[in-house]
Every structure is written in structure tokens, then in C-alpha cells.
Amino acid sequence: MSDDTDLAAHHYGITVSDLDDSLAFYRDVLGLDVLTEFAVGGEAFAEGVGVEGASADFAHLDAGGARVELVEYDPAGDDVRGGMVNDTGAMHLGLSVPDIEAFHDSLPDDVETIAPGPRTTESGTTILFVRDPDGTPIEIVEG
């Protein structure tokens, strides 16, 4: 392939039910910096995403070199929350922290975790899954 067709990661998108609630979580709880907020609509957008009459509000956040895109669509699609990480097609966002115990201790009481605290796996990796306001799993990895 030529340099003009080489793929590179641009962003990691998460569809949310309420952009303001989700933005508060990702910014205030996870500590991601907001890069930009914007809205998109119109026929080309609706055709591009395959949703008749679609418009959306977006927020892009900086996750230490990775861009996280939060998007709230109008009209909203089906609610597929509550899935497990082992469901086919399931996705999650992975973020790293230098001290996972300190991160866990800093979480507000209302943030749901999958396990009661960090766990060190057979591979030696220490992980903690938290859920965002819509139940999307976020994997926190020490390292």
C-alpha cells in the first residue's frame, strides 16, 4: 500500500445516551482533557452513518495520545447496555495509570466496578474494570 492509504488510529468512539453526563465522568472521574465539542447533522452525515435524519453532538477527549470520541445521536438507537466483556462484538476502552490502587481509592463511591478492586492476572498485569454512566466497560491497567 502507498503512504496515502496506510491506516493509522484516529479516535476510539463511544456512543452515549447523555453527552453532558458522560463528559462529566470522562473528564472529572477519569481525568481526560476535553479537546473539542461540536455538533454534526445534515444529509451527508445521515448517509455516512446510515441513520435516516441523524444528527449528533460530539466531544473529543485526550487520553494521553489517544483520542476518545463521545457521541450522542439524535435519533437514539437501540439500548444495548448491560452486556458483558465476553459478548461477541463487545468493546471496551483501555486506559493506563501508574498506580492502580491510588486510582481505585480516588474513585467516587457511585462509580461501578466489575470486581471489588484491582486484580493481578496470570500474566502479571493488574487491571480494574469500571463502568461509565451508560455501563460501558473501561479497563484500567497499571503500567
N, C-alpha and C. Protein backbone atom coordinates (compact mmCIF):
# COMPACT_ATOMS: atom_id res chain seq x y z
N MET A 1 0.84 -1.18 0.00
CA MET A 1 0.00 0.00 0.00
C MET A 1 0.88 1.24 0.00
N SER A 2 0.38 2.29 -0.58
CA SER A 2 1.13 3.54 -0.60
C SER A 2 0.93 4.28 0.71
N ASP A 3 1.75 5.29 0.94
CA ASP A 3 1.62 6.10 2.15
C ASP A 3 0.25 6.77 2.24
N ASP A 4 -0.37 7.04 1.09
CA ASP A 4 -1.67 7.70 1.07
C ASP A 4 -2.79 6.79 1.55
N THR A 5 -2.58 5.47 1.59
CA THR A 5 -3.63 4.55 2.01
C THR A 5 -3.28 3.79 3.28
N ASP A 6 -2.16 4.13 3.92
CA ASP A 6 -1.80 3.47 5.18
C ASP A 6 -2.74 3.93 6.28
N LEU A 7 -3.25 2.99 7.04
CA LEU A 7 -4.18 3.31 8.12
C LEU A 7 -3.44 3.63 9.41
N ALA A 8 -4.00 4.56 10.16
CA ALA A 8 -3.49 4.90 11.49
C ALA A 8 -4.70 5.20 12.37
N ALA A 9 -4.61 4.89 13.65
CA ALA A 9 -5.72 5.16 14.56
C ALA A 9 -5.98 6.66 14.62
N HIS A 10 -7.25 7.05 14.57
CA HIS A 10 -7.64 8.45 14.68
C HIS A 10 -8.36 8.71 15.98
N HIS A 11 -9.34 7.85 16.33
CA HIS A 11 -10.07 8.01 17.59
C HIS A 11 -10.75 6.69 17.95
N TYR A 12 -11.22 6.63 19.18
CA TYR A 12 -11.98 5.49 19.70
C TYR A 12 -13.33 6.04 20.13
N GLY A 13 -14.40 5.61 19.46
CA GLY A 13 -15.71 6.19 19.67
C GLY A 13 -16.59 5.40 20.62
N ILE A 14 -17.34 6.12 21.43
CA ILE A 14 -18.29 5.53 22.36
C ILE A 14 -19.60 6.29 22.23
N THR A 15 -20.67 5.59 21.87
CA THR A 15 -21.99 6.20 21.79
C THR A 15 -22.58 6.25 23.19
N VAL A 16 -23.07 7.42 23.57
CA VAL A 16 -23.58 7.65 24.92
C VAL A 16 -25.03 8.12 24.86
N SER A 17 -25.75 7.96 25.96
CA SER A 17 -27.15 8.39 26.00
C SER A 17 -27.28 9.86 26.39
N ASP A 18 -26.33 10.39 27.14
CA ASP A 18 -26.38 11.79 27.59
C ASP A 18 -24.96 12.32 27.58
N LEU A 19 -24.67 13.17 26.61
CA LEU A 19 -23.29 13.66 26.45
C LEU A 19 -22.80 14.41 27.67
N ASP A 20 -23.65 15.23 28.29
CA ASP A 20 -23.22 16.01 29.45
C ASP A 20 -22.83 15.10 30.62
N ASP A 21 -23.64 14.07 30.90
CA ASP A 21 -23.32 13.13 31.99
C ASP A 21 -22.03 12.37 31.69
N SER A 22 -21.91 11.90 30.46
CA SER A 22 -20.72 11.12 30.10
C SER A 22 -19.48 11.99 30.09
N LEU A 23 -19.61 13.21 29.58
CA LEU A 23 -18.47 14.12 29.57
C LEU A 23 -17.98 14.39 30.99
N ALA A 24 -18.91 14.58 31.92
CA ALA A 24 -18.52 14.80 33.32
C ALA A 24 -17.75 13.60 33.86
N PHE A 25 -18.17 12.39 33.54
CA PHE A 25 -17.49 11.18 34.01
C PHE A 25 -16.07 11.09 33.42
N TYR A 26 -15.97 11.18 32.11
CA TYR A 26 -14.67 11.01 31.46
C TYR A 26 -13.70 12.14 31.82
N ARG A 27 -14.23 13.34 32.00
CA ARG A 27 -13.39 14.50 32.36
C ARG A 27 -13.08 14.51 33.85
N ASP A 28 -14.10 14.41 34.69
CA ASP A 28 -13.92 14.63 36.13
C ASP A 28 -13.49 13.39 36.90
N VAL A 29 -13.97 12.21 36.49
CA VAL A 29 -13.60 10.98 37.19
C VAL A 29 -12.34 10.37 36.59
N LEU A 30 -12.29 10.26 35.25
CA LEU A 30 -11.12 9.65 34.62
C LEU A 30 -10.00 10.65 34.35
N GLY A 31 -10.30 11.95 34.39
CA GLY A 31 -9.27 12.97 34.24
C GLY A 31 -8.84 13.25 32.82
N LEU A 32 -9.67 12.90 31.81
CA LEU A 32 -9.30 13.17 30.42
C LEU A 32 -9.59 14.64 30.08
N ASP A 33 -8.69 15.24 29.33
CA ASP A 33 -8.85 16.64 28.92
C ASP A 33 -9.77 16.71 27.71
N VAL A 34 -10.67 17.70 27.71
CA VAL A 34 -11.57 17.93 26.58
C VAL A 34 -10.80 18.67 25.50
N LEU A 35 -10.75 18.10 24.31
CA LEU A 35 -10.08 18.74 23.18
C LEU A 35 -11.03 19.64 22.42
N THR A 36 -12.25 19.14 22.17
CA THR A 36 -13.22 19.92 21.41
C THR A 36 -14.61 19.35 21.60
N GLU A 37 -15.62 20.19 21.42
CA GLU A 37 -17.02 19.77 21.41
C GLU A 37 -17.65 20.38 20.17
N PHE A 38 -18.51 19.59 19.47
CA PHE A 38 -19.13 20.08 18.25
C PHE A 38 -20.36 19.25 17.92
N ALA A 39 -21.17 19.76 16.99
CA ALA A 39 -22.37 19.06 16.53
C ALA A 39 -22.27 18.88 15.02
N VAL A 40 -22.86 17.77 14.54
CA VAL A 40 -22.87 17.48 13.11
C VAL A 40 -24.27 16.98 12.74
N GLY A 41 -24.75 17.41 11.60
CA GLY A 41 -26.03 16.95 11.07
C GLY A 41 -26.00 17.03 9.56
N GLY A 42 -27.17 17.00 8.95
CA GLY A 42 -27.27 17.13 7.51
C GLY A 42 -27.32 15.80 6.79
N GLU A 43 -27.68 15.87 5.52
CA GLU A 43 -27.88 14.68 4.70
C GLU A 43 -26.61 13.83 4.56
N ALA A 44 -25.48 14.48 4.32
CA ALA A 44 -24.23 13.71 4.14
C ALA A 44 -23.86 12.94 5.41
N PHE A 45 -24.05 13.56 6.57
CA PHE A 45 -23.77 12.87 7.83
C PHE A 45 -24.72 11.69 8.01
N ALA A 46 -26.02 11.92 7.81
CA ALA A 46 -27.01 10.85 7.97
C ALA A 46 -26.71 9.68 7.04
N GLU A 47 -26.36 9.97 5.79
CA GLU A 47 -25.99 8.91 4.85
C GLU A 47 -24.71 8.22 5.28
N GLY A 48 -23.75 9.00 5.75
CA GLY A 48 -22.45 8.44 6.15
C GLY A 48 -22.56 7.47 7.31
N VAL A 49 -23.45 7.74 8.27
CA VAL A 49 -23.60 6.85 9.42
C VAL A 49 -24.73 5.84 9.22
N GLY A 50 -25.48 6.00 8.13
CA GLY A 50 -26.54 5.04 7.83
C GLY A 50 -27.76 5.16 8.73
N VAL A 51 -28.03 6.36 9.25
CA VAL A 51 -29.18 6.58 10.14
C VAL A 51 -29.99 7.74 9.57
N GLU A 52 -31.20 7.44 9.08
CA GLU A 52 -32.02 8.47 8.46
C GLU A 52 -32.27 9.64 9.41
N GLY A 53 -31.99 10.85 8.92
CA GLY A 53 -32.23 12.07 9.69
C GLY A 53 -31.30 12.28 10.86
N ALA A 54 -30.18 11.58 10.91
CA ALA A 54 -29.29 11.63 12.06
C ALA A 54 -28.59 12.97 12.22
N SER A 55 -28.44 13.36 13.45
CA SER A 55 -27.53 14.43 13.85
C SER A 55 -26.89 13.95 15.15
N ALA A 56 -25.83 14.61 15.56
CA ALA A 56 -25.14 14.14 16.77
C ALA A 56 -24.34 15.26 17.40
N ASP A 57 -24.19 15.17 18.71
CA ASP A 57 -23.30 16.04 19.47
C ASP A 57 -22.08 15.22 19.86
N PHE A 58 -20.91 15.81 19.72
CA PHE A 58 -19.65 15.12 19.95
C PHE A 58 -18.80 15.84 20.99
N ALA A 59 -17.96 15.07 21.66
CA ALA A 59 -16.87 15.60 22.47
C ALA A 59 -15.65 14.73 22.21
N HIS A 60 -14.53 15.35 21.95
CA HIS A 60 -13.26 14.62 21.79
C HIS A 60 -12.42 14.91 23.02
N LEU A 61 -11.83 13.84 23.57
CA LEU A 61 -11.02 13.94 24.77
C LEU A 61 -9.64 13.34 24.52
N ASP A 62 -8.65 13.87 25.23
CA ASP A 62 -7.27 13.40 25.11
C ASP A 62 -7.01 12.36 26.19
N ALA A 63 -6.70 11.15 25.73
CA ALA A 63 -6.35 10.07 26.66
C ALA A 63 -4.87 9.74 26.51
N GLY A 64 -4.03 10.75 26.66
CA GLY A 64 -2.59 10.53 26.62
C GLY A 64 -2.09 10.06 25.27
N GLY A 65 -2.51 10.72 24.21
CA GLY A 65 -2.07 10.34 22.87
C GLY A 65 -3.13 9.59 22.09
N ALA A 66 -4.16 9.12 22.73
CA ALA A 66 -5.30 8.50 22.05
C ALA A 66 -6.49 9.45 22.20
N ARG A 67 -7.24 9.60 21.13
CA ARG A 67 -8.42 10.47 21.16
C ARG A 67 -9.65 9.61 21.41
N VAL A 68 -10.42 9.98 22.43
CA VAL A 68 -11.68 9.31 22.75
C VAL A 68 -12.81 10.22 22.28
N GLU A 69 -13.71 9.66 21.48
CA GLU A 69 -14.84 10.42 20.97
C GLU A 69 -16.12 9.93 21.64
N LEU A 70 -16.79 10.84 22.33
CA LEU A 70 -18.11 10.57 22.90
C LEU A 70 -19.13 11.17 21.95
N VAL A 71 -20.18 10.41 21.62
CA VAL A 71 -21.17 10.90 20.67
C VAL A 71 -22.57 10.54 21.14
N GLU A 72 -23.45 11.54 21.15
CA GLU A 72 -24.86 11.36 21.47
C GLU A 72 -25.66 11.61 20.20
N TYR A 73 -26.35 10.55 19.70
CA TYR A 73 -27.09 10.64 18.45
C TYR A 73 -28.54 11.05 18.66
N ASP A 74 -29.07 11.75 17.67
CA ASP A 74 -30.50 12.01 17.56
C ASP A 74 -30.89 11.64 16.13
N PRO A 75 -31.71 10.62 15.93
CA PRO A 75 -32.41 9.84 16.94
C PRO A 75 -31.48 8.83 17.59
N ALA A 76 -31.80 8.50 18.85
CA ALA A 76 -31.03 7.48 19.57
C ALA A 76 -31.34 6.11 18.98
N GLY A 77 -30.39 5.22 19.04
CA GLY A 77 -30.58 3.85 18.56
C GLY A 77 -31.07 2.95 19.68
N ASP A 78 -30.96 1.65 19.44
CA ASP A 78 -31.35 0.68 20.45
C ASP A 78 -30.43 0.75 21.65
N ASP A 79 -30.97 0.48 22.81
CA ASP A 79 -30.19 0.46 24.04
C ASP A 79 -29.59 -0.94 24.20
N VAL A 80 -28.28 -1.05 24.08
CA VAL A 80 -27.60 -2.34 24.19
C VAL A 80 -26.72 -2.41 25.43
N ARG A 81 -27.04 -1.57 26.41
CA ARG A 81 -26.26 -1.58 27.65
C ARG A 81 -26.43 -2.88 28.41
N GLY A 82 -25.52 -3.09 29.33
CA GLY A 82 -25.63 -4.22 30.23
C GLY A 82 -24.91 -5.46 29.74
N GLY A 83 -24.23 -5.36 28.61
CA GLY A 83 -23.51 -6.50 28.10
C GLY A 83 -22.28 -6.81 28.93
N MET A 84 -21.74 -7.95 28.65
CA MET A 84 -20.52 -8.40 29.33
C MET A 84 -19.34 -8.29 28.37
N VAL A 85 -18.14 -8.20 28.91
CA VAL A 85 -16.95 -8.03 28.09
C VAL A 85 -16.72 -9.23 27.18
N ASN A 86 -17.30 -10.39 27.49
CA ASN A 86 -17.10 -11.58 26.65
C ASN A 86 -18.20 -11.77 25.61
N ASP A 87 -19.16 -10.82 25.49
CA ASP A 87 -20.17 -10.88 24.44
C ASP A 87 -19.52 -10.60 23.09
N THR A 88 -19.88 -11.38 22.08
CA THR A 88 -19.36 -11.15 20.74
C THR A 88 -19.71 -9.74 20.29
N GLY A 89 -18.72 -9.02 19.82
CA GLY A 89 -18.90 -7.65 19.38
C GLY A 89 -18.75 -6.62 20.49
N ALA A 90 -18.60 -7.08 21.72
CA ALA A 90 -18.42 -6.15 22.83
C ALA A 90 -17.11 -5.39 22.66
N MET A 91 -17.12 -4.14 23.09
CA MET A 91 -15.93 -3.32 23.03
C MET A 91 -15.69 -2.69 24.39
N HIS A 92 -14.46 -2.30 24.64
CA HIS A 92 -14.15 -1.55 25.85
C HIS A 92 -12.98 -0.62 25.54
N LEU A 93 -12.83 0.37 26.37
CA LEU A 93 -11.74 1.31 26.27
C LEU A 93 -10.70 0.93 27.31
N GLY A 94 -9.43 0.90 26.94
CA GLY A 94 -8.36 0.59 27.88
C GLY A 94 -7.51 1.82 28.14
N LEU A 95 -7.34 2.15 29.41
CA LEU A 95 -6.53 3.30 29.82
C LEU A 95 -5.53 2.83 30.86
N SER A 96 -4.36 3.43 30.87
CA SER A 96 -3.35 3.03 31.86
C SER A 96 -3.12 4.13 32.88
N VAL A 97 -2.77 3.70 34.08
CA VAL A 97 -2.41 4.61 35.18
C VAL A 97 -1.14 4.06 35.83
N PRO A 98 -0.32 4.93 36.42
CA PRO A 98 0.90 4.45 37.05
C PRO A 98 0.63 3.69 38.35
N ASP A 99 -0.43 4.04 39.09
CA ASP A 99 -0.71 3.42 40.38
C ASP A 99 -2.21 3.09 40.44
N ILE A 100 -2.53 1.85 40.15
CA ILE A 100 -3.93 1.45 40.06
C ILE A 100 -4.64 1.46 41.41
N GLU A 101 -3.92 1.18 42.48
CA GLU A 101 -4.52 1.23 43.82
C GLU A 101 -4.92 2.67 44.17
N ALA A 102 -4.04 3.62 43.87
CA ALA A 102 -4.36 5.03 44.13
C ALA A 102 -5.54 5.47 43.26
N PHE A 103 -5.57 5.01 42.00
CA PHE A 103 -6.70 5.34 41.13
C PHE A 103 -7.99 4.78 41.72
N HIS A 104 -7.96 3.51 42.13
CA HIS A 104 -9.16 2.87 42.71
C HIS A 104 -9.62 3.62 43.96
N ASP A 105 -8.68 3.98 44.81
CA ASP A 105 -9.02 4.69 46.05
C ASP A 105 -9.62 6.07 45.78
N SER A 106 -9.28 6.66 44.62
CA SER A 106 -9.78 8.01 44.29
C SER A 106 -11.16 8.00 43.64
N LEU A 107 -11.67 6.83 43.29
CA LEU A 107 -12.97 6.77 42.60
C LEU A 107 -14.10 7.20 43.52
N PRO A 108 -15.04 8.00 43.00
CA PRO A 108 -16.23 8.32 43.79
C PRO A 108 -17.00 7.03 44.11
N ASP A 109 -17.73 7.04 45.22
CA ASP A 109 -18.45 5.85 45.67
C ASP A 109 -19.48 5.35 44.67
N ASP A 110 -20.00 6.24 43.81
CA ASP A 110 -21.05 5.83 42.88
C ASP A 110 -20.53 5.26 41.56
N VAL A 111 -19.20 5.15 41.40
CA VAL A 111 -18.64 4.55 40.19
C VAL A 111 -18.64 3.04 40.35
N GLU A 112 -19.31 2.37 39.40
CA GLU A 112 -19.41 0.91 39.45
C GLU A 112 -18.12 0.27 38.95
N THR A 113 -17.64 -0.71 39.69
CA THR A 113 -16.51 -1.52 39.25
C THR A 113 -17.01 -2.95 39.07
N ILE A 114 -16.38 -3.70 38.15
CA ILE A 114 -16.81 -5.08 37.91
C ILE A 114 -16.33 -5.97 39.04
N ALA A 115 -15.09 -5.82 39.46
CA ALA A 115 -14.55 -6.53 40.63
C ALA A 115 -14.45 -5.51 41.76
N PRO A 116 -14.41 -5.97 43.01
CA PRO A 116 -14.36 -5.01 44.12
C PRO A 116 -13.08 -4.18 44.18
N GLY A 117 -12.07 -4.57 43.44
CA GLY A 117 -10.81 -3.83 43.44
C GLY A 117 -9.90 -4.37 42.35
N PRO A 118 -8.71 -3.80 42.20
CA PRO A 118 -7.77 -4.26 41.19
C PRO A 118 -7.42 -5.74 41.37
N ARG A 119 -7.18 -6.40 40.24
CA ARG A 119 -6.81 -7.82 40.25
C ARG A 119 -5.57 -7.99 39.39
N THR A 120 -4.60 -8.80 39.86
CA THR A 120 -3.41 -9.10 39.08
C THR A 120 -3.62 -10.45 38.41
N THR A 121 -3.57 -10.46 37.08
CA THR A 121 -3.85 -11.66 36.29
C THR A 121 -2.63 -12.58 36.23
N GLU A 122 -2.82 -13.76 35.65
CA GLU A 122 -1.72 -14.73 35.49
C GLU A 122 -0.55 -14.15 34.73
N SER A 123 -0.83 -13.20 33.82
CA SER A 123 0.23 -12.59 33.01
C SER A 123 1.04 -11.56 33.80
N GLY A 124 0.56 -11.22 35.02
CA GLY A 124 1.23 -10.22 35.83
C GLY A 124 0.69 -8.82 35.64
N THR A 125 -0.33 -8.67 34.81
CA THR A 125 -0.95 -7.37 34.56
C THR A 125 -2.01 -7.10 35.62
N THR A 126 -1.99 -5.90 36.20
CA THR A 126 -3.00 -5.53 37.18
C THR A 126 -4.06 -4.69 36.48
N ILE A 127 -5.33 -5.12 36.61
CA ILE A 127 -6.45 -4.50 35.91
C ILE A 127 -7.58 -4.15 36.87
N LEU A 128 -8.39 -3.20 36.44
CA LEU A 128 -9.62 -2.84 37.15
C LEU A 128 -10.60 -2.35 36.10
N PHE A 129 -11.76 -2.98 35.98
CA PHE A 129 -12.80 -2.51 35.07
C PHE A 129 -13.78 -1.64 35.83
N VAL A 130 -14.05 -0.45 35.29
CA VAL A 130 -15.09 0.43 35.80
C VAL A 130 -16.12 0.58 34.69
N ARG A 131 -17.31 1.06 35.05
CA ARG A 131 -18.35 1.30 34.05
C ARG A 131 -18.67 2.79 34.01
N ASP A 132 -18.83 3.31 32.78
CA ASP A 132 -19.22 4.71 32.61
C ASP A 132 -20.71 4.85 32.91
N PRO A 133 -21.29 6.04 32.82
CA PRO A 133 -22.71 6.22 33.17
C PRO A 133 -23.68 5.36 32.36
N ASP A 134 -23.27 4.91 31.16
CA ASP A 134 -24.12 4.05 30.34
C ASP A 134 -23.78 2.57 30.52
N GLY A 135 -22.84 2.25 31.38
CA GLY A 135 -22.47 0.86 31.60
C GLY A 135 -21.36 0.35 30.72
N THR A 136 -20.77 1.22 29.89
CA THR A 136 -19.66 0.81 29.02
C THR A 136 -18.45 0.46 29.89
N PRO A 137 -17.85 -0.72 29.66
CA PRO A 137 -16.69 -1.08 30.47
C PRO A 137 -15.44 -0.32 30.05
N ILE A 138 -14.73 0.20 31.05
CA ILE A 138 -13.46 0.90 30.85
C ILE A 138 -12.42 0.10 31.64
N GLU A 139 -11.42 -0.42 30.92
CA GLU A 139 -10.37 -1.20 31.58
C GLU A 139 -9.24 -0.27 31.98
N ILE A 140 -8.93 -0.27 33.27
CA ILE A 140 -7.80 0.49 33.79
C ILE A 140 -6.67 -0.52 34.01
N VAL A 141 -5.52 -0.23 33.43
CA VAL A 141 -4.36 -1.12 33.50
C VAL A 141 -3.24 -0.37 34.20
N GLU A 142 -2.56 -1.05 35.13
CA GLU A 142 -1.40 -0.41 35.76
C GLU A 142 -0.20 -0.56 34.85
N GLY A 143 0.49 0.56 34.65
CA GLY A 143 1.70 0.47 33.84
C GLY A 143 2.05 1.71 33.11
